[in-house]
């Protein structure tokens, strides 16, 4: 129903910045919420950031607060994750996710649609 494509990942040194983008294709972008999750090597996938239909409602995991910023442009069917002051522990595959229903933005189960992921590697 909804196709999500992430881009913007890459290699960066600690302290650097990256901006991830997620494009929604194939339908009108009318989701209630969008989220970013990440899957570090050898660890479980975890919530990073979320944003409701109203851009005034944003949510972050504690480890990225003050460093990452999630935003969305509904007119362009896009969601972004600006990542500053990157740390080696931020290294992971980052996934964009979307839901058309209400629920907790923190929960993987809320999101019905997932992108393929984009690799972010932060060197020390």
C-alpha atoms as a PDB file:
ATOM      1  CA  UNK A   1       0.000   0.000   0.000  1.00  0.00           C
ATOM      2  CA  UNK A   2       2.783   2.417   0.967  1.00  0.00           C
ATOM      3  CA  UNK A   3       6.299   2.167  -0.420  1.00  0.00           C
ATOM      4  CA  UNK A   4       9.041   3.850   1.587  1.00  0.00           C
ATOM      5  CA  UNK A   5      12.542   4.513   0.279  1.00  0.00           C
ATOM      6  CA  UNK A   6      15.329   5.797   2.528  1.00  0.00           C
ATOM      7  CA  UNK A   7      18.379   7.681   1.341  1.00  0.00           C
ATOM      8  CA  UNK A   8      21.200   9.788   2.733  1.00  0.00           C
ATOM      9  CA  UNK A   9      23.169   7.205   4.659  1.00  0.00           C
ATOM     10  CA  UNK A  10      26.903   6.861   4.361  1.00  0.00           C
ATOM     11  CA  UNK A  11      30.241   7.044   6.146  1.00  0.00           C
ATOM     12  CA  UNK A  12      31.056   9.893   8.478  1.00  0.00           C
ATOM     13  CA  UNK A  13      33.568  10.620  11.223  1.00  0.00           C
ATOM     14  CA  UNK A  14      32.482  11.091  14.807  1.00  0.00           C
ATOM     15  CA  UNK A  15      31.116  14.579  15.323  1.00  0.00           C
ATOM     16  CA  UNK A  16      29.900  14.842  11.759  1.00  0.00           C
ATOM     17  CA  UNK A  17      26.393  15.123  10.370  1.00  0.00           C
ATOM     18  CA  UNK A  18      24.108  13.299   7.989  1.00  0.00           C
ATOM     19  CA  UNK A  19      20.590  13.956   6.794  1.00  0.00           C
ATOM     20  CA  UNK A  20      18.403  10.969   6.050  1.00  0.00           C
ATOM     21  CA  UNK A  21      15.401  11.246   3.767  1.00  0.00           C
ATOM     22  CA  UNK A  22      12.410   8.969   3.379  1.00  0.00           C
ATOM     23  CA  UNK A  23      10.167   9.197   0.344  1.00  0.00           C
ATOM     24  CA  UNK A  24       6.681   7.707   0.317  1.00  0.00           C
ATOM     25  CA  UNK A  25       5.609   6.461  -3.090  1.00  0.00           C
ATOM     26  CA  UNK A  26       2.530   5.025  -4.718  1.00  0.00           C
ATOM     27  CA  UNK A  27      -0.199   6.819  -2.812  1.00  0.00           C
ATOM     28  CA  UNK A  28      -1.254  10.014  -1.157  1.00  0.00           C
ATOM     29  CA  UNK A  29       0.916  10.731   1.865  1.00  0.00           C
ATOM     30  CA  UNK A  30      -1.671  10.847   4.604  1.00  0.00           C
ATOM     31  CA  UNK A  31      -0.181   8.836   7.455  1.00  0.00           C
ATOM     32  CA  UNK A  32      -0.873   9.670  11.077  1.00  0.00           C
ATOM     33  CA  UNK A  33       2.748   9.206  12.060  1.00  0.00           C
ATOM     34  CA  UNK A  34       6.196   8.500  10.660  1.00  0.00           C
ATOM     35  CA  UNK A  35       9.094   7.020  12.547  1.00  0.00           C
ATOM     36  CA  UNK A  36      12.769   6.275  12.288  1.00  0.00           C
ATOM     37  CA  UNK A  37      14.196   3.089  13.752  1.00  0.00           C
ATOM     38  CA  UNK A  38      17.709   1.716  13.640  1.00  0.00           C
ATOM     39  CA  UNK A  39      19.304  -1.703  13.841  1.00  0.00           C
ATOM     40  CA  UNK A  40      22.848  -1.638  15.248  1.00  0.00           C
ATOM     41  CA  UNK A  41      25.052  -4.637  14.438  1.00  0.00           C
ATOM     42  CA  UNK A  42      24.495  -7.440  16.916  1.00  0.00           C
ATOM     43  CA  UNK A  43      21.650  -5.646  18.670  1.00  0.00           C
ATOM     44  CA  UNK A  44      17.880  -5.350  18.436  1.00  0.00           C
ATOM     45  CA  UNK A  45      16.129  -2.781  16.314  1.00  0.00           C
ATOM     46  CA  UNK A  46      15.275   0.303  18.342  1.00  0.00           C
ATOM     47  CA  UNK A  47      13.163   3.424  18.101  1.00  0.00           C
ATOM     48  CA  UNK A  48      15.005   6.612  17.195  1.00  0.00           C
ATOM     49  CA  UNK A  49      12.481   9.345  16.411  1.00  0.00           C
ATOM     50  CA  UNK A  50       8.843   9.821  15.512  1.00  0.00           C
ATOM     51  CA  UNK A  51       6.574  12.539  14.211  1.00  0.00           C
ATOM     52  CA  UNK A  52       2.790  12.825  14.072  1.00  0.00           C
ATOM     53  CA  UNK A  53       0.680  14.280  11.248  1.00  0.00           C
ATOM     54  CA  UNK A  54       1.065  17.566  13.046  1.00  0.00           C
ATOM     55  CA  UNK A  55       4.748  18.425  12.904  1.00  0.00           C
ATOM     56  CA  UNK A  56       4.421  19.957  16.343  1.00  0.00           C
ATOM     57  CA  UNK A  57       4.421  16.471  17.883  1.00  0.00           C
ATOM     58  CA  UNK A  58       7.867  14.912  17.793  1.00  0.00           C
ATOM     59  CA  UNK A  59       9.423  12.156  19.877  1.00  0.00           C
ATOM     60  CA  UNK A  60      12.990  10.977  20.426  1.00  0.00           C
ATOM     61  CA  UNK A  61      14.821   8.260  22.240  1.00  0.00           C
ATOM     62  CA  UNK A  62      16.984   9.656  25.029  1.00  0.00           C
ATOM     63  CA  UNK A  63      20.284   8.824  23.363  1.00  0.00           C
ATOM     64  CA  UNK A  64      19.625  11.137  20.398  1.00  0.00           C
ATOM     65  CA  UNK A  65      17.839  14.046  22.072  1.00  0.00           C
ATOM     66  CA  UNK A  66      19.573  17.305  21.277  1.00  0.00           C
ATOM     67  CA  UNK A  67      21.455  15.747  18.371  1.00  0.00           C
ATOM     68  CA  UNK A  68      18.797  14.430  15.969  1.00  0.00           C
ATOM     69  CA  UNK A  69      15.811  16.269  14.511  1.00  0.00           C
ATOM     70  CA  UNK A  70      12.891  14.641  12.730  1.00  0.00           C
ATOM     71  CA  UNK A  71      10.749  16.658  10.329  1.00  0.00           C
ATOM     72  CA  UNK A  72       8.244  16.056   7.566  1.00  0.00           C
ATOM     73  CA  UNK A  73       6.973  17.745   4.440  1.00  0.00           C
ATOM     74  CA  UNK A  74       3.543  16.350   3.686  1.00  0.00           C
ATOM     75  CA  UNK A  75       3.282  18.259   0.410  1.00  0.00           C
ATOM     76  CA  UNK A  76       6.358  16.383  -0.841  1.00  0.00           C
ATOM     77  CA  UNK A  77       5.544  13.056   0.834  1.00  0.00           C
ATOM     78  CA  UNK A  78       8.874  13.210   2.652  1.00  0.00           C
ATOM     79  CA  UNK A  79      10.191  12.718   6.157  1.00  0.00           C
ATOM     80  CA  UNK A  80      13.708  13.610   7.265  1.00  0.00           C
ATOM     81  CA  UNK A  81      16.122  12.838  10.052  1.00  0.00           C
ATOM     82  CA  UNK A  82      18.860  15.396  10.587  1.00  0.00           C
ATOM     83  CA  UNK A  83      21.653  13.758  12.571  1.00  0.00           C
ATOM     84  CA  UNK A  84      24.302  15.967  14.150  1.00  0.00           C
ATOM     85  CA  UNK A  85      27.200  15.232  16.495  1.00  0.00           C
ATOM     86  CA  UNK A  86      27.227  11.633  15.361  1.00  0.00           C
ATOM     87  CA  UNK A  87      28.846   9.012  17.565  1.00  0.00           C
ATOM     88  CA  UNK A  88      30.214   5.560  16.721  1.00  0.00           C
ATOM     89  CA  UNK A  89      27.313   4.031  18.641  1.00  0.00           C
ATOM     90  CA  UNK A  90      24.949   5.613  16.106  1.00  0.00           C
ATOM     91  CA  UNK A  91      26.257   3.146  13.529  1.00  0.00           C
ATOM     92  CA  UNK A  92      23.299   1.129  12.289  1.00  0.00           C
ATOM     93  CA  UNK A  93      20.930   0.485   9.451  1.00  0.00           C
ATOM     94  CA  UNK A  94      18.270   3.169   9.688  1.00  0.00           C
ATOM     95  CA  UNK A  95      14.697   2.396   8.711  1.00  0.00           C
ATOM     96  CA  UNK A  96      11.823   4.687   7.877  1.00  0.00           C
ATOM     97  CA  UNK A  97       8.381   3.500   8.973  1.00  0.00           C
ATOM     98  CA  UNK A  98       4.822   4.716   8.535  1.00  0.00           C
ATOM     99  CA  UNK A  99       1.416   4.097  10.050  1.00  0.00           C
ATOM    100  CA  UNK A 100      -2.063   5.086   8.914  1.00  0.00           C
ATOM    101  CA  UNK A 101      -3.571   4.338  12.314  1.00  0.00           C
ATOM    102  CA  UNK A 102      -3.302   5.689  15.810  1.00  0.00           C
ATOM    103  CA  UNK A 103      -0.912   4.132  18.283  1.00  0.00           C
ATOM    104  CA  UNK A 104       2.313   4.643  20.167  1.00  0.00           C
ATOM    105  CA  UNK A 105       4.993   6.171  17.970  1.00  0.00           C
ATOM    106  CA  UNK A 106       7.571   4.303  20.063  1.00  0.00           C
ATOM    107  CA  UNK A 107       6.287   0.839  19.204  1.00  0.00           C
ATOM    108  CA  UNK A 108       7.377  -1.131  16.149  1.00  0.00           C
ATOM    109  CA  UNK A 109       3.942  -2.728  16.137  1.00  0.00           C
ATOM    110  CA  UNK A 110       2.348   0.611  15.363  1.00  0.00           C
ATOM    111  CA  UNK A 111       3.985   0.786  11.948  1.00  0.00           C
ATOM    112  CA  UNK A 112       2.623  -1.240   9.053  1.00  0.00           C
ATOM    113  CA  UNK A 113       5.011   0.032   6.390  1.00  0.00           C
ATOM    114  CA  UNK A 114       8.800  -0.115   6.395  1.00  0.00           C
ATOM    115  CA  UNK A 115      11.568   0.918   4.055  1.00  0.00           C
ATOM    116  CA  UNK A 116      14.554  -1.231   3.132  1.00  0.00           C
ATOM    117  CA  UNK A 117      16.957   0.739   5.296  1.00  0.00           C
ATOM    118  CA  UNK A 118      20.014   2.884   4.727  1.00  0.00           C
ATOM    119  CA  UNK A 119      23.413   2.242   6.300  1.00  0.00           C
ATOM    120  CA  UNK A 120      24.964   4.841   8.581  1.00  0.00           C
ATOM    121  CA  UNK A 121      28.540   4.197   9.680  1.00  0.00           C
ATOM    122  CA  UNK A 122      30.276   6.521  12.130  1.00  0.00           C
ATOM    123  CA  UNK A 123      34.009   6.086  12.652  1.00  0.00           C
ATOM    124  CA  UNK A 124      35.839   7.116  15.805  1.00  0.00           C
END
